[in-house]
C-alpha cells in the first residue's frame, strides 16, 4: 500500500495548522505530528484493524 501526500493535502494541512495555532500553537504542532505519525503507522500495518 502506498499513500502519496499531494501538494493539495500538504497545503490543506498547513492551513489547518495555521488556523489551530492562532489559538493554541502547541496543539497545532501536536496535531500535525500525530497525523503524520498515524499515517506512517497505518502504512506499516494496514490490516491492523478488525473488519466491521
C-alpha atoms as a PDB file:
ATOM      1  CA  UNK A   1       0.000   0.000   0.000  1.00  0.00           C
ATOM      2  CA  UNK A   2       1.245   3.443  -0.842  1.00  0.00           C
ATOM      3  CA  UNK A   3      -0.069   6.861   0.130  1.00  0.00           C
ATOM      4  CA  UNK A   4       1.041   9.886  -1.832  1.00  0.00           C
ATOM      5  CA  UNK A   5       0.891  13.185   0.028  1.00  0.00           C
ATOM      6  CA  UNK A   6      -0.183  15.563  -2.703  1.00  0.00           C
ATOM      7  CA  UNK A   7       0.514  19.268  -2.753  1.00  0.00           C
ATOM      8  CA  UNK A   8      -3.215  19.811  -2.151  1.00  0.00           C
ATOM      9  CA  UNK A   9      -3.082  17.700   1.032  1.00  0.00           C
ATOM     10  CA  UNK A  10       0.033  19.454   2.300  1.00  0.00           C
ATOM     11  CA  UNK A  11      -1.479  22.861   1.588  1.00  0.00           C
ATOM     12  CA  UNK A  12      -4.713  21.994   3.409  1.00  0.00           C
ATOM     13  CA  UNK A  13      -2.797  20.556   6.331  1.00  0.00           C
ATOM     14  CA  UNK A  14      -0.699  23.700   6.644  1.00  0.00           C
ATOM     15  CA  UNK A  15      -3.849  25.844   6.540  1.00  0.00           C
ATOM     16  CA  UNK A  16      -5.395  23.776   9.328  1.00  0.00           C
ATOM     17  CA  UNK A  17      -2.226  24.005  11.405  1.00  0.00           C
ATOM     18  CA  UNK A  18      -2.128  27.783  10.942  1.00  0.00           C
ATOM     19  CA  UNK A  19      -5.776  28.050  11.987  1.00  0.00           C
ATOM     20  CA  UNK A  20      -5.268  25.902  15.103  1.00  0.00           C
ATOM     21  CA  UNK A  21      -2.070  27.742  16.016  1.00  0.00           C
ATOM     22  CA  UNK A  22      -3.919  31.056  16.240  1.00  0.00           C
ATOM     23  CA  UNK A  23      -5.479  29.772  19.445  1.00  0.00           C
ATOM     24  CA  UNK A  24      -3.114  27.009  20.592  1.00  0.00           C
ATOM     25  CA  UNK A  25       0.301  26.804  18.881  1.00  0.00           C
ATOM     26  CA  UNK A  26       1.409  23.703  20.779  1.00  0.00           C
ATOM     27  CA  UNK A  27      -1.816  21.868  19.906  1.00  0.00           C
ATOM     28  CA  UNK A  28      -1.248  22.686  16.234  1.00  0.00           C
ATOM     29  CA  UNK A  29       2.249  21.183  16.293  1.00  0.00           C
ATOM     30  CA  UNK A  30       0.953  18.087  18.092  1.00  0.00           C
ATOM     31  CA  UNK A  31      -1.942  17.710  15.627  1.00  0.00           C
ATOM     32  CA  UNK A  32       0.402  17.749  12.631  1.00  0.00           C
ATOM     33  CA  UNK A  33       2.949  15.431  14.238  1.00  0.00           C
ATOM     34  CA  UNK A  34       0.284  12.949  15.378  1.00  0.00           C
ATOM     35  CA  UNK A  35      -1.431  12.931  11.987  1.00  0.00           C
ATOM     36  CA  UNK A  36       1.790  12.210  10.094  1.00  0.00           C
ATOM     37  CA  UNK A  37       2.769   9.554  12.643  1.00  0.00           C
ATOM     38  CA  UNK A  38      -0.638   7.866  12.297  1.00  0.00           C
ATOM     39  CA  UNK A  39      -0.371   7.814   8.513  1.00  0.00           C
ATOM     40  CA  UNK A  40       3.062   6.198   8.674  1.00  0.00           C
ATOM     41  CA  UNK A  41       1.896   3.677  11.284  1.00  0.00           C
ATOM     42  CA  UNK A  42      -1.119   2.703   9.182  1.00  0.00           C
ATOM     43  CA  UNK A  43       1.133   2.179   6.173  1.00  0.00           C
ATOM     44  CA  UNK A  44       3.305  -0.270   8.074  1.00  0.00           C
ATOM     45  CA  UNK A  45       0.317  -2.357   9.150  1.00  0.00           C
ATOM     46  CA  UNK A  46      -2.776  -1.539   7.035  1.00  0.00           C
ATOM     47  CA  UNK A  47      -4.716  -4.598   8.228  1.00  0.00           C
ATOM     48  CA  UNK A  48      -4.255  -3.847  11.916  1.00  0.00           C
ATOM     49  CA  UNK A  49      -7.942  -3.083  12.495  1.00  0.00           C
ATOM     50  CA  UNK A  50     -10.656  -5.716  12.519  1.00  0.00           C
ATOM     51  CA  UNK A  51     -13.227  -5.784   9.752  1.00  0.00           C
ATOM     52  CA  UNK A  52     -16.657  -4.417  10.593  1.00  0.00           C
END
